[in-house]
C-alpha atoms as a PDB file:
ATOM      1  CA  MET A   1    -120.240-133.695 -33.365  1.00  0.00           C
ATOM      2  CA  ALA A   2    -120.528-129.855 -33.151  1.00  0.00           C
ATOM      3  CA  LEU A   3    -117.662-127.676 -32.016  1.00  0.00           C
ATOM      4  CA  VAL A   4    -118.921-127.096 -28.484  1.00  0.00           C
ATOM      5  CA  ILE A   5    -116.865-126.432 -25.352  1.00  0.00           C
ATOM      6  CA  PRO A   6    -118.382-126.053 -21.836  1.00  0.00           C
ATOM      7  CA  ARG A   7    -118.486-122.476 -20.524  1.00  0.00           C
ATOM      8  CA  ARG A   8    -116.467-123.317 -17.487  1.00  0.00           C
ATOM      9  CA  THR A   9    -113.701-125.010 -19.541  1.00  0.00           C
ATOM     10  CA  ALA A  10    -113.600-122.067 -21.994  1.00  0.00           C
ATOM     11  CA  GLY A  11    -113.379-119.675 -19.031  1.00  0.00           C
ATOM     12  CA  TYR A  12    -110.399-121.559 -17.523  1.00  0.00           C
ATOM     13  CA  LEU A  13    -108.613-121.624 -20.846  1.00  0.00           C
ATOM     14  CA  LEU A  14    -109.236-117.842 -21.573  1.00  0.00           C
ATOM     15  CA  LEU A  15    -108.035-117.046 -17.977  1.00  0.00           C
ATOM     16  CA  SER A  16    -104.917-119.202 -18.522  1.00  0.00           C
ATOM     17  CA  ALA A  17    -104.206-117.349 -21.861  1.00  0.00           C
ATOM     18  CA  LEU A  18    -104.598-113.925 -20.193  1.00  0.00           C
ATOM     19  CA  ILE A  19    -102.156-114.973 -17.361  1.00  0.00           C
ATOM     20  CA  LEU A  20     -99.594-116.115 -20.000  1.00  0.00           C
ATOM     21  CA  CYS A  21    -100.017-112.801 -21.873  1.00  0.00           C
ATOM     22  CA  LEU A  22     -99.350-110.956 -18.582  1.00  0.00           C
ATOM     23  CA  ALA A  23     -96.238-113.144 -18.022  1.00  0.00           C
ATOM     24  CA  THR A  24     -94.731-112.104 -21.365  1.00  0.00           C
ATOM     25  CA  ARG A  25     -94.794-108.428 -20.199  1.00  0.00           C
ATOM     26  CA  PHE A  26     -91.824-109.267 -17.750  1.00  0.00           C
ATOM     27  CA  TYR A  27     -89.294-110.139 -20.466  1.00  0.00           C
ATOM     28  CA  ALA A  28     -88.648-108.981 -24.133  1.00  0.00           C
ATOM     29  CA  LEU A  29     -90.263-111.212 -26.736  1.00  0.00           C
ATOM     30  CA  PRO A  30     -88.711-111.563 -30.279  1.00  0.00           C
ATOM     31  CA  ALA A  31     -90.043-108.666 -32.232  1.00  0.00           C
ATOM     32  CA  ARG A  32     -92.488-109.111 -35.089  1.00  0.00           C
ATOM     33  CA  PRO A  33     -90.582-107.422 -37.847  1.00  0.00           C
ATOM     34  CA  ASP A  34     -92.174-105.370 -40.632  1.00  0.00           C
ATOM     35  CA  GLU A  35     -95.284-104.417 -38.602  1.00  0.00           C
ATOM     36  CA  ALA A  36     -94.710-100.771 -38.991  1.00  0.00           C
ATOM     37  CA  LEU A  37     -94.054-100.874 -42.718  1.00  0.00           C
ATOM     38  CA  LEU A  38     -97.072-103.063 -43.293  1.00  0.00           C
ATOM     39  CA  ARG A  39     -99.255-100.755 -41.138  1.00  0.00           C
ATOM     40  CA  THR A  40     -97.948 -97.631 -42.980  1.00  0.00           C
ATOM     41  CA  GLY A  41     -98.597 -99.133 -46.335  1.00  0.00           C
ATOM     42  CA  TRP A  42    -102.035-100.551 -45.425  1.00  0.00           C
ATOM     43  CA  LEU A  43    -103.230 -97.273 -44.042  1.00  0.00           C
ATOM     44  CA  ALA A  44    -102.030 -95.535 -47.353  1.00  0.00           C
ATOM     45  CA  GLY A  45    -104.050 -98.117 -49.367  1.00  0.00           C
ATOM     46  CA  GLN A  46    -100.853 -99.984 -50.527  1.00  0.00           C
ATOM     47  CA  MET A  47     -99.503-103.396 -50.118  1.00  0.00           C
ATOM     48  CA  PRO A  48     -95.808-102.843 -49.767  1.00  0.00           C
ATOM     49  CA  GLY A  49     -94.087-105.765 -51.405  1.00  0.00           C
ATOM     50  CA  TRP A  50     -90.459-104.720 -50.790  1.00  0.00           C
ATOM     51  CA  ASP A  51     -88.506-103.608 -47.682  1.00  0.00           C
ATOM     52  CA  PRO A  52     -85.763-101.168 -48.721  1.00  0.00           C
ATOM     53  CA  SER A  53     -84.585-100.515 -45.062  1.00  0.00           C
ATOM     54  CA  SER A  54     -83.232-103.970 -44.382  1.00  0.00           C
ATOM     55  CA  GLU A  55     -79.635-104.338 -45.589  1.00  0.00           C
ATOM     56  CA  LEU A  56     -79.807-104.227 -49.507  1.00  0.00           C
ATOM     57  CA  GLY A  57     -83.550-104.720 -49.343  1.00  0.00           C
ATOM     58  CA  ARG A  58     -85.719-107.844 -49.250  1.00  0.00           C
ATOM     59  CA  PRO A  59     -89.177-109.054 -50.378  1.00  0.00           C
ATOM     60  CA  LEU A  60     -91.561-108.128 -47.522  1.00  0.00           C
ATOM     61  CA  LEU A  61     -94.623-110.228 -48.428  1.00  0.00           C
ATOM     62  CA  THR A  62     -92.654-113.376 -48.339  1.00  0.00           C
ATOM     63  CA  ALA A  63     -90.847-112.621 -45.089  1.00  0.00           C
ATOM     64  CA  THR A  64     -91.018-115.698 -42.719  1.00  0.00           C
ATOM     65  CA  ARG A  65     -92.117-113.655 -39.720  1.00  0.00           C
ATOM     66  CA  ALA A  66     -94.302-110.889 -41.410  1.00  0.00           C
ATOM     67  CA  GLY A  67     -97.414-112.975 -41.965  1.00  0.00           C
ATOM     68  CA  PRO A  68     -99.136-110.268 -43.854  1.00  0.00           C
ATOM     69  CA  TRP A  69    -102.088-112.443 -44.976  1.00  0.00           C
ATOM     70  CA  TYR A  70    -102.727-113.865 -41.480  1.00  0.00           C
ATOM     71  CA  PRO A  71    -106.245-112.571 -40.415  1.00  0.00           C
ATOM     72  CA  LEU A  72    -105.254-111.741 -36.832  1.00  0.00           C
ATOM     73  CA  ASN A  73    -102.451-109.455 -38.050  1.00  0.00           C
ATOM     74  CA  ALA A  74    -105.106-107.059 -39.334  1.00  0.00           C
ATOM     75  CA  LEU A  75    -105.361-105.878 -35.692  1.00  0.00           C
ATOM     76  CA  ILE A  76    -102.489-103.541 -36.416  1.00  0.00           C
ATOM     77  CA  LEU A  77    -104.863-101.491 -38.523  1.00  0.00           C
ATOM     78  CA  LEU A  78    -107.312-101.140 -35.673  1.00  0.00           C
ATOM     79  CA  VAL A  79    -105.192-100.536 -32.535  1.00  0.00           C
ATOM     80  CA  PRO A  80    -101.764 -99.353 -31.581  1.00  0.00           C
ATOM     81  CA  LEU A  81     -98.953-101.952 -32.281  1.00  0.00           C
ATOM     82  CA  GLY A  82     -98.320-102.627 -28.520  1.00  0.00           C
ATOM     83  CA  LEU A  83    -102.024-103.547 -27.889  1.00  0.00           C
ATOM     84  CA  ALA A  84    -102.203-105.479 -31.103  1.00  0.00           C
ATOM     85  CA  ASP A  85     -99.302-107.650 -29.902  1.00  0.00           C
ATOM     86  CA  VAL A  86    -101.169-108.354 -26.627  1.00  0.00           C
ATOM     87  CA  LEU A  87    -104.427-109.186 -28.379  1.00  0.00           C
ATOM     88  CA  ARG A  88    -102.725-111.526 -30.898  1.00  0.00           C
ATOM     89  CA  LEU A  89    -100.853-113.357 -28.189  1.00  0.00           C
ATOM     90  CA  PHE A  90    -104.117-113.766 -26.227  1.00  0.00           C
ATOM     91  CA  ALA A  91    -105.883-115.076 -29.231  1.00  0.00           C
ATOM     92  CA  ALA A  92    -102.994-117.487 -30.065  1.00  0.00           C
ATOM     93  CA  PHE A  93    -102.791-118.984 -26.576  1.00  0.00           C
ATOM     94  CA  SER A  94    -106.649-119.333 -26.491  1.00  0.00           C
ATOM     95  CA  LEU A  95    -106.799-121.024 -29.755  1.00  0.00           C
ATOM     96  CA  ALA A  96    -103.977-123.406 -28.920  1.00  0.00           C
ATOM     97  CA  GLY A  97    -105.638-124.427 -25.664  1.00  0.00           C
ATOM     98  CA  ILE A  98    -109.215-124.746 -27.144  1.00  0.00           C
ATOM     99  CA  GLY A  99    -107.883-126.713 -30.091  1.00  0.00           C
ATOM    100  CA  THR A 100    -105.989-129.164 -27.877  1.00  0.00           C
ATOM    101  CA  TRP A 101    -109.003-129.602 -25.639  1.00  0.00           C
ATOM    102  CA  LEU A 102    -111.310-130.350 -28.674  1.00  0.00           C
ATOM    103  CA  TRP A 103    -108.759-132.897 -29.959  1.00  0.00           C
ATOM    104  CA  HIS A 104    -108.287-134.756 -26.718  1.00  0.00           C
ATOM    105  CA  VAL A 105    -111.683-134.657 -24.944  1.00  0.00           C
ATOM    106  CA  ALA A 106    -113.315-137.584 -26.833  1.00  0.00           C
ATOM    107  CA  ARG A 107    -110.378-139.790 -26.285  1.00  0.00           C
ATOM    108  CA  PHE A 108    -109.129-139.021 -22.763  1.00  0.00           C
ATOM    109  CA  GLY A 109    -112.154-137.290 -21.081  1.00  0.00           C
ATOM    110  CA  ALA A 110    -112.586-133.716 -20.024  1.00  0.00           C
ATOM    111  CA  ARG A 111    -110.207-133.441 -17.098  1.00  0.00           C
ATOM    112  CA  VAL A 112    -107.277-134.933 -19.008  1.00  0.00           C
ATOM    113  CA  ALA A 113    -108.088-132.866 -21.975  1.00  0.00           C
ATOM    114  CA  LEU A 114    -108.042-129.667 -19.828  1.00  0.00           C
ATOM    115  CA  ALA A 115    -104.680-130.520 -18.420  1.00  0.00           C
ATOM    116  CA  ASP A 116    -103.327-131.148 -22.025  1.00  0.00           C
ATOM    117  CA  ALA A 117    -104.772-127.764 -23.139  1.00  0.00           C
ATOM    118  CA  PHE A 118    -102.931-125.977 -20.227  1.00  0.00           C
ATOM    119  CA  ALA A 119     -99.798-127.794 -21.228  1.00  0.00           C
ATOM    120  CA  ALA A 120    -100.301-126.781 -24.806  1.00  0.00           C
ATOM    121  CA  GLN A 121    -100.547-123.113 -23.775  1.00  0.00           C
ATOM    122  CA  ILE A 122     -97.422-123.282 -21.796  1.00  0.00           C
ATOM    123  CA  ALA A 123     -95.659-124.936 -24.658  1.00  0.00           C
ATOM    124  CA  GLY A 124     -96.871-122.050 -26.847  1.00  0.00           C
ATOM    125  CA  LEU A 125     -95.335-119.637 -24.376  1.00  0.00           C
ATOM    126  CA  CYS A 126     -92.037-121.417 -24.727  1.00  0.00           C
ATOM    127  CA  LEU A 127     -92.159-121.405 -28.511  1.00  0.00           C
ATOM    128  CA  VAL A 128     -92.958-117.748 -28.484  1.00  0.00           C
ATOM    129  CA  SER A 129     -89.971-117.075 -26.145  1.00  0.00           C
ATOM    130  CA  VAL A 130     -87.502-119.219 -28.101  1.00  0.00           C
ATOM    131  CA  ALA A 131     -88.709-118.566 -31.703  1.00  0.00           C
ATOM    132  CA  SER A 132     -91.323-115.774 -32.252  1.00  0.00           C
ATOM    133  CA  PRO A 133     -94.950-115.083 -31.865  1.00  0.00           C
ATOM    134  CA  SER A 134     -95.348-115.910 -35.460  1.00  0.00           C
ATOM    135  CA  ALA A 135     -94.065-119.423 -34.849  1.00  0.00           C
ATOM    136  CA  LEU A 136     -96.942-119.938 -32.413  1.00  0.00           C
ATOM    137  CA  ASP A 137     -99.451-118.570 -35.095  1.00  0.00           C
ATOM    138  CA  ALA A 138     -98.171-121.133 -37.552  1.00  0.00           C
ATOM    139  CA  PHE A 139     -98.008-124.271 -35.250  1.00  0.00           C
ATOM    140  CA  LEU A 140    -101.128-123.701 -32.973  1.00  0.00           C
ATOM    141  CA  TRP A 141    -103.376-124.953 -35.818  1.00  0.00           C
ATOM    142  CA  ALA A 142    -101.806-128.523 -35.534  1.00  0.00           C
ATOM    143  CA  PRO A 143    -104.323-129.735 -32.922  1.00  0.00           C
ATOM    144  CA  TRP A 144    -107.194-128.141 -34.889  1.00  0.00           C
ATOM    145  CA  MET A 145    -106.220-130.093 -37.998  1.00  0.00           C
ATOM    146  CA  LEU A 146    -105.961-133.331 -35.975  1.00  0.00           C
ATOM    147  CA  TRP A 147    -109.320-132.701 -34.387  1.00  0.00           C
ATOM    148  CA  ALA A 148    -110.843-132.077 -37.831  1.00  0.00           C
ATOM    149  CA  ILE A 149    -109.321-135.291 -39.198  1.00  0.00           C
ATOM    150  CA  GLU A 150    -110.595-137.319 -36.270  1.00  0.00           C
ATOM    151  CA  ARG A 151    -114.104-135.977 -36.688  1.00  0.00           C
ATOM    152  CA  ARG A 152    -114.001-136.161 -40.465  1.00  0.00           C
ATOM    153  CA  ARG A 153    -114.591-132.397 -40.913  1.00  0.00           C
ATOM    154  CA  GLY A 154    -113.021-131.589 -44.244  1.00  0.00           C
ATOM    155  CA  ARG A 155    -113.903-127.801 -44.350  1.00  0.00           C
ATOM    156  CA  GLU A 156    -112.303-127.289 -40.974  1.00  0.00           C
ATOM    157  CA  LEU A 157    -109.228-129.101 -42.018  1.00  0.00           C
ATOM    158  CA  CYS A 158    -108.914-126.998 -45.096  1.00  0.00           C
ATOM    159  CA  VAL A 159    -109.186-123.696 -43.070  1.00  0.00           C
ATOM    160  CA  ALA A 160    -106.850-124.865 -40.396  1.00  0.00           C
ATOM    161  CA  SER A 161    -104.180-125.894 -42.790  1.00  0.00           C
ATOM    162  CA  ALA A 162    -104.456-122.619 -44.634  1.00  0.00           C
ATOM    163  CA  LEU A 163    -104.127-120.675 -41.535  1.00  0.00           C
ATOM    164  CA  SER A 164    -101.129-122.556 -40.411  1.00  0.00           C
ATOM    165  CA  ILE A 165     -99.369-121.593 -43.618  1.00  0.00           C
ATOM    166  CA  LEU A 166    -100.512-117.995 -43.416  1.00  0.00           C
ATOM    167  CA  GLY A 167     -99.010-117.746 -39.901  1.00  0.00           C
ATOM    168  CA  GLY A 168     -95.687-116.853 -41.289  1.00  0.00           C
ATOM    169  CA  VAL A 169     -92.979-119.331 -40.291  1.00  0.00           C
ATOM    170  CA  PRO A 170     -92.571-121.986 -42.967  1.00  0.00           C
ATOM    171  CA  LEU A 171     -90.747-124.489 -40.716  1.00  0.00           C
ATOM    172  CA  CYS A 172     -93.555-124.542 -38.128  1.00  0.00           C
ATOM    173  CA  SER A 173     -96.135-124.680 -40.852  1.00  0.00           C
ATOM    174  CA  LEU A 174     -94.373-127.690 -42.322  1.00  0.00           C
ATOM    175  CA  LEU A 175     -94.302-129.439 -39.068  1.00  0.00           C
ATOM    176  CA  ALA A 176     -98.051-128.941 -38.436  1.00  0.00           C
ATOM    177  CA  LEU A 177     -98.911-129.986 -41.995  1.00  0.00           C
ATOM    178  CA  GLY A 178     -96.629-133.009 -41.624  1.00  0.00           C
ATOM    179  CA  LEU A 179     -98.506-134.187 -38.558  1.00  0.00           C
ATOM    180  CA  ALA A 180    -101.777-133.828 -40.369  1.00  0.00           C
ATOM    181  CA  LEU A 181    -100.497-135.678 -43.422  1.00  0.00           C
ATOM    182  CA  LEU A 182     -99.291-138.496 -41.288  1.00  0.00           C
ATOM    183  CA  SER A 183    -102.629-138.752 -39.620  1.00  0.00           C
ATOM    184  CA  LEU A 184    -104.390-138.791 -42.916  1.00  0.00           C
ATOM    185  CA  LEU A 185    -102.129-141.384 -44.440  1.00  0.00           C
ATOM    186  CA  LEU A 186    -102.632-143.658 -41.467  1.00  0.00           C
ATOM    187  CA  ALA A 187    -106.489-143.547 -41.133  1.00  0.00           C
ATOM    188  CA  HIS A 188    -108.290-141.034 -43.356  1.00  0.00           C
ATOM    189  CA  ARG A 189    -106.774-140.972 -46.790  1.00  0.00           C
ATOM    190  CA  HIS A 190    -110.158-139.843 -48.350  1.00  0.00           C
ATOM    191  CA  MET A 191    -109.557-136.472 -46.678  1.00  0.00           C
ATOM    192  CA  LEU A 192    -106.246-135.723 -48.472  1.00  0.00           C
ATOM    193  CA  GLY A 193    -108.087-133.567 -50.930  1.00  0.00           C
ATOM    194  CA  TRP A 194    -109.247-131.172 -48.214  1.00  0.00           C
ATOM    195  CA  LEU A 195    -105.611-130.812 -47.123  1.00  0.00           C
ATOM    196  CA  ALA A 196    -104.522-130.134 -50.525  1.00  0.00           C
ATOM    197  CA  LEU A 197    -107.295-127.447 -50.927  1.00  0.00           C
ATOM    198  CA  GLY A 198    -106.097-125.803 -47.784  1.00  0.00           C
ATOM    199  CA  VAL A 199    -102.561-125.659 -49.214  1.00  0.00           C
ATOM    200  CA  CYS A 200    -103.968-124.012 -52.387  1.00  0.00           C
ATOM    201  CA  LEU A 201    -105.986-121.595 -50.314  1.00  0.00           C
ATOM    202  CA  ALA A 202    -102.759-120.315 -48.799  1.00  0.00           C
ATOM    203  CA  ALA A 203    -100.964-120.084 -52.160  1.00  0.00           C
ATOM    204  CA  LEU A 204    -100.936-116.342 -51.657  1.00  0.00           C
ATOM    205  CA  ALA A 205     -98.136-116.816 -49.148  1.00  0.00           C
ATOM    206  CA  TRP A 206     -96.034-119.762 -50.315  1.00  0.00           C
ATOM    207  CA  VAL A 207     -96.023-119.226 -54.097  1.00  0.00           C
ATOM    208  CA  PRO A 208     -94.030-115.858 -53.704  1.00  0.00           C
ATOM    209  CA  LEU A 209     -91.844-117.539 -51.080  1.00  0.00           C
ATOM    210  CA  LEU A 210     -90.697-120.080 -53.748  1.00  0.00           C
ATOM    211  CA  GLU A 211     -89.841-117.330 -56.244  1.00  0.00           C
ATOM    212  CA  SER A 212     -87.904-115.492 -53.557  1.00  0.00           C
ATOM    213  CA  ARG A 213     -85.524-118.375 -53.394  1.00  0.00           C
ATOM    214  CA  SER A 214     -83.684-116.544 -56.222  1.00  0.00           C
ATOM    215  CA  TRP A 215     -83.117-113.503 -53.953  1.00  0.00           C
ATOM    216  CA  THR A 216     -79.864-113.332 -52.202  1.00  0.00           C
ATOM    217  CA  PRO A 217     -79.721-111.909 -48.678  1.00  0.00           C
ATOM    218  CA  HIS A 218     -76.501-109.904 -48.336  1.00  0.00           C
ATOM    219  CA  ALA A 219     -75.448-106.848 -46.236  1.00  0.00           C
ATOM    220  CA  GLY A 220     -73.524-105.526 -49.265  1.00  0.00           C
ATOM    221  CA  THR A 221     -72.711-101.823 -49.555  1.00  0.00           C
ATOM    222  CA  ARG A 222     -75.339 -99.130 -50.001  1.00  0.00           C
ATOM    223  CA  ALA A 223     -74.191 -96.661 -52.661  1.00  0.00           C
ATOM    224  CA  PRO A 224     -75.719 -94.341 -55.214  1.00  0.00           C
ATOM    225  CA  PRO A 225     -76.544 -95.824 -58.607  1.00  0.00           C
ATOM    226  CA  GLN A 226     -73.729 -96.066 -61.032  1.00  0.00           C
ATOM    227  CA  LEU A 227     -73.683 -96.073 -64.863  1.00  0.00           C
ATOM    228  CA  VAL A 228     -71.110 -98.612 -65.891  1.00  0.00           C
ATOM    229  CA  GLY A 229     -69.606 -97.464 -69.268  1.00  0.00           C
ATOM    230  CA  ASP A 230     -69.936 -93.698 -68.560  1.00  0.00           C
ATOM    231  CA  PRO A 231     -68.559 -92.586 -65.212  1.00  0.00           C
ATOM    232  CA  GLN A 232     -69.368 -88.949 -66.111  1.00  0.00           C
ATOM    233  CA  ALA A 233     -73.128 -89.588 -66.318  1.00  0.00           C
ATOM    234  CA  ARG A 234     -75.472 -87.491 -64.216  1.00  0.00           C
ATOM    235  CA  ILE A 235     -77.779 -89.608 -62.137  1.00  0.00           C
ATOM    236  CA  LEU A 236     -80.655 -88.489 -59.780  1.00  0.00           C
ATOM    237  CA  GLN A 237     -82.297 -91.250 -57.868  1.00  0.00           C
ATOM    238  CA  ASN A 238     -85.807 -91.027 -56.507  1.00  0.00           C
ATOM    239  CA  ARG A 239     -87.960 -93.388 -54.430  1.00  0.00           C
ATOM    240  CA  GLU A 240     -91.634 -92.770 -54.372  1.00  0.00           C
ATOM    241  CA  ALA A 241     -92.703 -95.883 -52.426  1.00  0.00           C
ATOM    242  CA  PRO A 242     -90.958 -98.984 -50.672  1.00  0.00           C
ATOM    243  CA  ASP A 243     -91.370-101.056 -54.017  1.00  0.00           C
ATOM    244  CA  ARG A 244     -90.542 -98.157 -56.405  1.00  0.00           C
ATOM    245  CA  LEU A 245     -87.136 -96.858 -57.331  1.00  0.00           C
ATOM    246  CA  ASP A 246     -86.603 -94.503 -60.262  1.00  0.00           C
ATOM    247  CA  ALA A 247     -83.677 -92.599 -61.707  1.00  0.00           C
ATOM    248  CA  SER A 248     -83.178 -89.800 -64.169  1.00  0.00           C
ATOM    249  CA  VAL A 249     -80.008 -90.354 -66.153  1.00  0.00           C
ATOM    250  CA  ALA A 250     -78.111 -88.067 -68.492  1.00  0.00           C
ATOM    251  CA  SER A 251     -75.411 -89.850 -70.421  1.00  0.00           C
ATOM    252  CA  GLU A 252     -73.380 -89.356 -73.599  1.00  0.00           C
ATOM    253  CA  HIS A 253     -72.435 -92.986 -74.005  1.00  0.00           C
ATOM    254  CA  GLY A 254     -75.093 -95.066 -72.288  1.00  0.00           C
ATOM    255  CA  GLY A 255     -74.190 -98.259 -70.386  1.00  0.00           C
ATOM    256  CA  LEU A 256     -75.446-100.493 -67.537  1.00  0.00           C
ATOM    257  CA  LEU A 257     -77.234 -98.538 -64.967  1.00  0.00           C
ATOM    258  CA  VAL A 258     -76.619-100.367 -61.539  1.00  0.00           C
ATOM    259  CA  PHE A 259     -78.869 -99.907 -58.476  1.00  0.00           C
ATOM    260  CA  HIS A 260     -76.889-100.942 -55.381  1.00  0.00           C
ATOM    261  CA  GLU A 261     -79.874-102.842 -53.985  1.00  0.00           C
ATOM    262  CA  ALA A 262     -80.620-106.519 -53.978  1.00  0.00           C
ATOM    263  CA  TRP A 263     -81.824-108.220 -57.182  1.00  0.00           C
ATOM    264  CA  HIS A 264     -85.116-110.213 -57.328  1.00  0.00           C
ATOM    265  CA  PRO A 265     -86.829-111.748 -60.316  1.00  0.00           C
ATOM    266  CA  GLY A 266     -89.934-109.697 -59.341  1.00  0.00           C
ATOM    267  CA  TRP A 267     -88.373-106.282 -60.299  1.00  0.00           C
ATOM    268  CA  LYS A 268     -89.605-104.743 -63.538  1.00  0.00           C
ATOM    269  CA  ALA A 269     -88.182-101.605 -65.442  1.00  0.00           C
ATOM    270  CA  THR A 270     -89.148 -99.244 -68.072  1.00  0.00           C
ATOM    271  CA  VAL A 271     -86.762 -96.953 -69.930  1.00  0.00           C
ATOM    272  CA  ALA A 272     -88.422 -93.875 -71.504  1.00  0.00           C
ATOM    273  CA  GLY A 273     -91.702 -95.637 -71.074  1.00  0.00           C
ATOM    274  CA  GLU A 274     -90.609 -98.934 -72.831  1.00  0.00           C
ATOM    275  CA  ASP A 275     -90.224-102.115 -71.082  1.00  0.00           C
ATOM    276  CA  ALA A 276     -86.606-103.208 -70.270  1.00  0.00           C
ATOM    277  CA  PRO A 277     -85.024-106.282 -68.723  1.00  0.00           C
ATOM    278  CA  VAL A 278     -83.665-106.086 -65.246  1.00  0.00           C
ATOM    279  CA  GLU A 279     -80.306-107.916 -64.986  1.00  0.00           C
ATOM    280  CA  CYS A 280     -78.529-109.454 -62.061  1.00  0.00           C
ATOM    281  CA  VAL A 281     -75.123-107.822 -61.555  1.00  0.00           C
ATOM    282  CA  ASP A 282     -72.391-109.494 -59.696  1.00  0.00           C
ATOM    283  CA  GLY A 283     -74.969-111.968 -58.465  1.00  0.00           C
ATOM    284  CA  LEU A 284     -76.343-109.363 -56.021  1.00  0.00           C
ATOM    285  CA  TYR A 285     -77.457-105.845 -57.591  1.00  0.00           C
ATOM    286  CA  ARG A 286     -79.993-104.750 -60.153  1.00  0.00           C
ATOM    287  CA  GLY A 287     -78.901-103.416 -63.515  1.00  0.00           C
ATOM    288  CA  VAL A 288     -80.698-101.857 -66.494  1.00  0.00           C
ATOM    289  CA  ARG A 289     -78.974-101.261 -69.824  1.00  0.00           C
ATOM    290  CA  LEU A 290     -79.410 -97.673 -71.174  1.00  0.00           C
ATOM    291  CA  PRO A 291     -78.714 -96.037 -74.521  1.00  0.00           C
ATOM    292  CA  ALA A 292     -77.206 -92.562 -74.775  1.00  0.00           C
ATOM    293  CA  GLY A 293     -79.283 -89.509 -73.896  1.00  0.00           C
ATOM    294  CA  THR A 294     -81.386 -88.117 -71.181  1.00  0.00           C
ATOM    295  CA  LEU A 295     -83.790 -90.896 -69.982  1.00  0.00           C
ATOM    296  CA  ILE A 296     -86.168 -91.688 -67.155  1.00  0.00           C
ATOM    297  CA  VAL A 297     -85.695 -95.114 -65.690  1.00  0.00           C
ATOM    298  CA  ARG A 298     -88.606 -96.534 -63.557  1.00  0.00           C
ATOM    299  CA  THR A 299     -88.361 -99.743 -61.623  1.00  0.00           C
ATOM    300  CA  LYS A 300     -91.114-101.429 -59.674  1.00  0.00           C
ATOM    301  CA  PHE A 301     -91.343-104.630 -57.642  1.00  0.00           C
ATOM    302  CA  GLU A 302     -94.119-106.596 -59.357  1.00  0.00           C
ATOM    303  CA  PRO A 303     -93.488-110.319 -58.820  1.00  0.00           C
ATOM    304  CA  PHE A 304     -95.543-112.589 -61.120  1.00  0.00           C
ATOM    305  CA  SER A 305     -95.735-115.114 -58.242  1.00  0.00           C
ATOM    306  CA  LEU A 306     -97.831-112.839 -56.227  1.00  0.00           C
ATOM    307  CA  ARG A 307    -100.502-112.640 -58.922  1.00  0.00           C
ATOM    308  CA  LEU A 308    -100.198-116.462 -59.568  1.00  0.00           C
ATOM    309  CA  GLY A 309    -100.637-117.095 -55.730  1.00  0.00           C
ATOM    310  CA  ALA A 310    -103.457-114.603 -55.571  1.00  0.00           C
ATOM    311  CA  TRP A 311    -105.452-116.369 -58.472  1.00  0.00           C
ATOM    312  CA  THR A 312    -104.642-119.739 -56.987  1.00  0.00           C
ATOM    313  CA  SER A 313    -105.946-118.656 -53.516  1.00  0.00           C
ATOM    314  CA  PHE A 314    -109.150-117.118 -55.161  1.00  0.00           C
ATOM    315  CA  CYS A 315    -109.947-120.283 -57.152  1.00  0.00           C
ATOM    316  CA  ALA A 316    -109.361-122.493 -53.959  1.00  0.00           C
ATOM    317  CA  LEU A 317    -111.579-120.094 -51.899  1.00  0.00           C
ATOM    318  CA  THR A 318    -114.353-120.257 -54.603  1.00  0.00           C
ATOM    319  CA  LEU A 319    -114.223-124.077 -54.587  1.00  0.00           C
ATOM    320  CA  LEU A 320    -114.325-124.154 -50.799  1.00  0.00           C
ATOM    321  CA  VAL A 321    -117.444-121.880 -50.746  1.00  0.00           C
ATOM    322  CA  LEU A 322    -119.125-124.156 -53.318  1.00  0.00           C
ATOM    323  CA  LEU A 323    -118.323-127.250 -51.287  1.00  0.00           C
ATOM    324  CA  ALA A 324    -119.560-125.514 -48.128  1.00  0.00           C
ATOM    325  CA  ARG A 325    -123.001-124.841 -49.609  1.00  0.00           C
ATOM    326  CA  PRO A 326    -125.705-127.154 -48.107  1.00  0.00           C
ATOM    327  CA  ARG A 327    -126.926-129.846 -50.499  1.00  0.00           C
ATOM    328  CA  ARG A 328    -130.589-130.053 -51.243  1.00  0.00           C
ATOM    329  CA  VAL A 329    -132.153-133.301 -50.622  1.00  0.00           C
ATOM    330  CA  ALA A 330    -134.933-134.213 -53.060  1.00  0.00           C
END
């Protein structure tokens, strides 16, 4: 069965999505954080991995509501942020309605499926109001996954499961994936591989999230860097980018240079051009041990998990493309 929806039904669902978008203009929705920082970084040709403006700093690419890898979020590069929000909401409501209609039409008929689609769109509005727009981005792919399972469409299941994870809210993604997994275990276990491939396809999002469990969110106290062991040391701090923090240190005794920002295992450091370990100080701050002398300390946020996730996603995408190629019949 091809993915076909009647024009009139599609028009009704698109009109309903537009009305719901207009309804959201009458009250304040939960903000999509990190948009401005992501937009600034992307326009500068960078992928900012760290947000230094939030408390003591936090990993940006694993933020649960940022969704930097979600395709629709690329709209912030093309149009102003306000218009991008409207377009993303319109797309989310439309996709929720169309996916629900496709899932229900064969079982309940066109009219009941249309009513269910309207109900799904209204439920999406409630989810946006209570949680966030990113929560809807993650959960709206549940009916698409269930539709793909019932129609035995493995590639569509793979893509929908990956998009659910990339949406940005892990709890909503887990709920959607849990529904798909339960459906597969009950009737279509032979498609479990497609779901697993979709999870691997989204590894760019969830692998760094697992590493970030070592990061401690804490308000803390912002202060200039301090050299423990030589209080008379001269320290000049410089930040060239959100994920870069350098310091010039002149010390007679050396010691432990403490940056009063959050520690994360993804931070790397060099001292006078040589690699140096970054320590976790007091369970919260970043520290680098220095010898005596005048030294340049450079630190950069380069999590290994991001490279691992990127390679995993690339391999999964390559496998998906190979499986999607039409087979020649002799």
